[in-house]
């Protein structure tokens, strides 16, 4: 592993990983909205039968394998900051798709995340 700048391919894989993580959170939210109210045991059984929930689990399993593969050729200290992209995308998806509040504070926080990513990776 090299401490040099990341290659374009590494950056693309890391961004794809972060987008996938945000996509998984989107699927988990969809599953949560589809889960009927009721006792915990009934909710659990309903989740295990929900294709959206199972898709989210499968996506996360694939992403775990992708992450381990990425780490075979990318230093953790250079790769992990890209996970923060998911912290920015996920609330944006929540606002755009689910009507959750998109506040000025959220946008400032997202700006700070990206500024931090630039600082850490420069």
C-alpha atoms as a PDB file:
ATOM      1  CA  UNK A   1       0.000   0.000   0.000  1.00  0.00           C
ATOM      2  CA  UNK A   2       1.211   3.434  -0.820  1.00  0.00           C
ATOM      3  CA  UNK A   3       0.697   6.681   1.045  1.00  0.00           C
ATOM      4  CA  UNK A   4       0.605   8.569  -2.265  1.00  0.00           C
ATOM      5  CA  UNK A   5      -2.499  10.181  -3.640  1.00  0.00           C
ATOM      6  CA  UNK A   6      -5.395   7.907  -4.438  1.00  0.00           C
ATOM      7  CA  UNK A   7      -5.867   6.917  -8.061  1.00  0.00           C
ATOM      8  CA  UNK A   8      -8.992   7.889  -9.947  1.00  0.00           C
ATOM      9  CA  UNK A   9     -10.082   4.244  -9.835  1.00  0.00           C
ATOM     10  CA  UNK A  10      -9.700   4.153  -6.038  1.00  0.00           C
ATOM     11  CA  UNK A  11     -11.681   7.369  -5.660  1.00  0.00           C
ATOM     12  CA  UNK A  12     -14.416   6.016  -7.946  1.00  0.00           C
ATOM     13  CA  UNK A  13     -14.658   2.788  -5.933  1.00  0.00           C
ATOM     14  CA  UNK A  14     -14.756   4.679  -2.648  1.00  0.00           C
ATOM     15  CA  UNK A  15     -17.463   7.032  -3.893  1.00  0.00           C
ATOM     16  CA  UNK A  16     -19.441   4.043  -5.224  1.00  0.00           C
ATOM     17  CA  UNK A  17     -19.102   2.407  -1.805  1.00  0.00           C
ATOM     18  CA  UNK A  18     -20.429   5.520  -0.058  1.00  0.00           C
ATOM     19  CA  UNK A  19     -23.318   5.834  -2.530  1.00  0.00           C
ATOM     20  CA  UNK A  20     -24.111   2.167  -1.913  1.00  0.00           C
ATOM     21  CA  UNK A  21     -24.164   2.767   1.842  1.00  0.00           C
ATOM     22  CA  UNK A  22     -26.611   5.637   1.365  1.00  0.00           C
ATOM     23  CA  UNK A  23     -28.683   3.405  -0.911  1.00  0.00           C
ATOM     24  CA  UNK A  24     -28.793   0.753   1.790  1.00  0.00           C
ATOM     25  CA  UNK A  25     -30.058   3.289   4.305  1.00  0.00           C
ATOM     26  CA  UNK A  26     -32.713   4.327   1.776  1.00  0.00           C
ATOM     27  CA  UNK A  27     -33.826   0.693   1.497  1.00  0.00           C
ATOM     28  CA  UNK A  28     -33.882   0.294   5.284  1.00  0.00           C
ATOM     29  CA  UNK A  29     -36.119   3.374   5.557  1.00  0.00           C
ATOM     30  CA  UNK A  30     -38.444   1.963   2.893  1.00  0.00           C
ATOM     31  CA  UNK A  31     -38.598  -1.307   4.815  1.00  0.00           C
ATOM     32  CA  UNK A  32     -39.343   0.575   8.032  1.00  0.00           C
ATOM     33  CA  UNK A  33     -42.225   2.393   6.383  1.00  0.00           C
ATOM     34  CA  UNK A  34     -43.623  -0.909   5.089  1.00  0.00           C
ATOM     35  CA  UNK A  35     -43.379  -2.696   8.434  1.00  0.00           C
ATOM     36  CA  UNK A  36     -46.773  -2.968  10.110  1.00  0.00           C
ATOM     37  CA  UNK A  37     -47.283  -1.658  13.620  1.00  0.00           C
ATOM     38  CA  UNK A  38     -47.581  -4.278  16.290  1.00  0.00           C
ATOM     39  CA  UNK A  39     -45.592  -6.303  18.763  1.00  0.00           C
ATOM     40  CA  UNK A  40     -41.848  -6.551  18.224  1.00  0.00           C
ATOM     41  CA  UNK A  41     -41.965 -10.249  17.306  1.00  0.00           C
ATOM     42  CA  UNK A  42     -44.528  -9.587  14.560  1.00  0.00           C
ATOM     43  CA  UNK A  43     -42.458  -6.703  13.206  1.00  0.00           C
ATOM     44  CA  UNK A  44     -39.379  -8.902  13.171  1.00  0.00           C
ATOM     45  CA  UNK A  45     -41.163 -11.652  11.229  1.00  0.00           C
ATOM     46  CA  UNK A  46     -42.573  -9.083   8.808  1.00  0.00           C
ATOM     47  CA  UNK A  47     -39.087  -7.671   8.180  1.00  0.00           C
ATOM     48  CA  UNK A  48     -37.682 -11.123   7.483  1.00  0.00           C
ATOM     49  CA  UNK A  49     -40.382 -11.544   4.817  1.00  0.00           C
ATOM     50  CA  UNK A  50     -39.927  -8.076   3.290  1.00  0.00           C
ATOM     51  CA  UNK A  51     -38.075  -8.105  -0.035  1.00  0.00           C
ATOM     52  CA  UNK A  52     -36.916  -4.503   0.457  1.00  0.00           C
ATOM     53  CA  UNK A  53     -35.365  -5.316   3.829  1.00  0.00           C
ATOM     54  CA  UNK A  54     -33.713  -8.433   2.421  1.00  0.00           C
ATOM     55  CA  UNK A  55     -32.386  -6.387  -0.507  1.00  0.00           C
ATOM     56  CA  UNK A  56     -30.882  -3.905   1.960  1.00  0.00           C
ATOM     57  CA  UNK A  57     -29.169  -6.739   3.840  1.00  0.00           C
ATOM     58  CA  UNK A  58     -27.861  -8.214   0.580  1.00  0.00           C
ATOM     59  CA  UNK A  59     -26.568  -4.807  -0.516  1.00  0.00           C
ATOM     60  CA  UNK A  60     -24.764  -4.364   2.807  1.00  0.00           C
ATOM     61  CA  UNK A  61     -23.229  -7.850   2.485  1.00  0.00           C
ATOM     62  CA  UNK A  62     -21.956  -6.980  -0.995  1.00  0.00           C
ATOM     63  CA  UNK A  63     -20.648  -3.647   0.278  1.00  0.00           C
ATOM     64  CA  UNK A  64     -18.797  -5.387   3.114  1.00  0.00           C
ATOM     65  CA  UNK A  65     -17.022  -7.588   0.586  1.00  0.00           C
ATOM     66  CA  UNK A  66     -16.298  -4.551  -1.613  1.00  0.00           C
ATOM     67  CA  UNK A  67     -14.888  -2.673   1.383  1.00  0.00           C
ATOM     68  CA  UNK A  68     -12.517  -5.502   2.309  1.00  0.00           C
ATOM     69  CA  UNK A  69     -11.350  -5.698  -1.312  1.00  0.00           C
ATOM     70  CA  UNK A  70     -10.797  -1.921  -1.461  1.00  0.00           C
ATOM     71  CA  UNK A  71      -8.716  -2.139   1.712  1.00  0.00           C
ATOM     72  CA  UNK A  72      -6.388  -4.661   0.083  1.00  0.00           C
ATOM     73  CA  UNK A  73      -4.947  -1.849  -2.049  1.00  0.00           C
ATOM     74  CA  UNK A  74      -5.984   1.350  -0.262  1.00  0.00           C
ATOM     75  CA  UNK A  75      -4.783   2.486   3.179  1.00  0.00           C
ATOM     76  CA  UNK A  76      -7.610   2.622   5.714  1.00  0.00           C
ATOM     77  CA  UNK A  77      -6.569   6.139   6.704  1.00  0.00           C
ATOM     78  CA  UNK A  78      -7.105   7.267   3.093  1.00  0.00           C
ATOM     79  CA  UNK A  79     -10.241   5.201   2.415  1.00  0.00           C
ATOM     80  CA  UNK A  80     -12.329   5.694   5.540  1.00  0.00           C
ATOM     81  CA  UNK A  81     -12.948   9.435   5.146  1.00  0.00           C
ATOM     82  CA  UNK A  82     -14.955   8.633   2.011  1.00  0.00           C
ATOM     83  CA  UNK A  83     -17.534   6.919   4.221  1.00  0.00           C
ATOM     84  CA  UNK A  84     -18.516  10.455   5.267  1.00  0.00           C
ATOM     85  CA  UNK A  85     -20.034  10.931   1.817  1.00  0.00           C
ATOM     86  CA  UNK A  86     -22.779   8.547   2.913  1.00  0.00           C
ATOM     87  CA  UNK A  87     -23.401  10.785   5.943  1.00  0.00           C
ATOM     88  CA  UNK A  88     -24.105  13.609   3.509  1.00  0.00           C
ATOM     89  CA  UNK A  89     -26.118  11.681   0.912  1.00  0.00           C
ATOM     90  CA  UNK A  90     -28.378   9.796   3.296  1.00  0.00           C
ATOM     91  CA  UNK A  91     -30.131  12.822   4.839  1.00  0.00           C
ATOM     92  CA  UNK A  92     -30.444  14.384   1.384  1.00  0.00           C
ATOM     93  CA  UNK A  93     -32.209  11.231   0.185  1.00  0.00           C
ATOM     94  CA  UNK A  94     -34.396  11.357   3.289  1.00  0.00           C
ATOM     95  CA  UNK A  95     -35.434  14.902   2.445  1.00  0.00           C
ATOM     96  CA  UNK A  96     -35.907  14.453  -1.274  1.00  0.00           C
ATOM     97  CA  UNK A  97     -37.688  11.092  -1.202  1.00  0.00           C
ATOM     98  CA  UNK A  98     -39.363  10.914   2.202  1.00  0.00           C
ATOM     99  CA  UNK A  99     -40.075  14.597   2.778  1.00  0.00           C
ATOM    100  CA  UNK A 100     -37.868  14.790   5.842  1.00  0.00           C
ATOM    101  CA  UNK A 101     -36.709  18.313   6.771  1.00  0.00           C
ATOM    102  CA  UNK A 102     -33.805  19.773   4.793  1.00  0.00           C
ATOM    103  CA  UNK A 103     -32.599  22.588   6.998  1.00  0.00           C
ATOM    104  CA  UNK A 104     -29.862  25.154   6.677  1.00  0.00           C
ATOM    105  CA  UNK A 105     -28.081  23.396   9.543  1.00  0.00           C
ATOM    106  CA  UNK A 106     -28.112  20.168   7.516  1.00  0.00           C
ATOM    107  CA  UNK A 107     -26.604  21.877   4.468  1.00  0.00           C
ATOM    108  CA  UNK A 108     -23.937  23.561   6.598  1.00  0.00           C
ATOM    109  CA  UNK A 109     -23.114  20.183   8.146  1.00  0.00           C
ATOM    110  CA  UNK A 110     -22.851  18.585   4.714  1.00  0.00           C
ATOM    111  CA  UNK A 111     -20.551  21.404   3.641  1.00  0.00           C
ATOM    112  CA  UNK A 112     -18.374  20.776   6.702  1.00  0.00           C
ATOM    113  CA  UNK A 113     -18.261  17.061   5.862  1.00  0.00           C
ATOM    114  CA  UNK A 114     -17.024  17.766   2.343  1.00  0.00           C
ATOM    115  CA  UNK A 115     -14.564  20.390   3.576  1.00  0.00           C
ATOM    116  CA  UNK A 116     -13.218  17.851   6.050  1.00  0.00           C
ATOM    117  CA  UNK A 117     -12.912  15.261   3.307  1.00  0.00           C
ATOM    118  CA  UNK A 118     -10.903  17.697   1.180  1.00  0.00           C
ATOM    119  CA  UNK A 119      -8.641  18.568   4.131  1.00  0.00           C
ATOM    120  CA  UNK A 120      -8.005  14.959   5.121  1.00  0.00           C
ATOM    121  CA  UNK A 121      -7.298  13.821   1.581  1.00  0.00           C
ATOM    122  CA  UNK A 122      -5.194  16.740   0.371  1.00  0.00           C
END
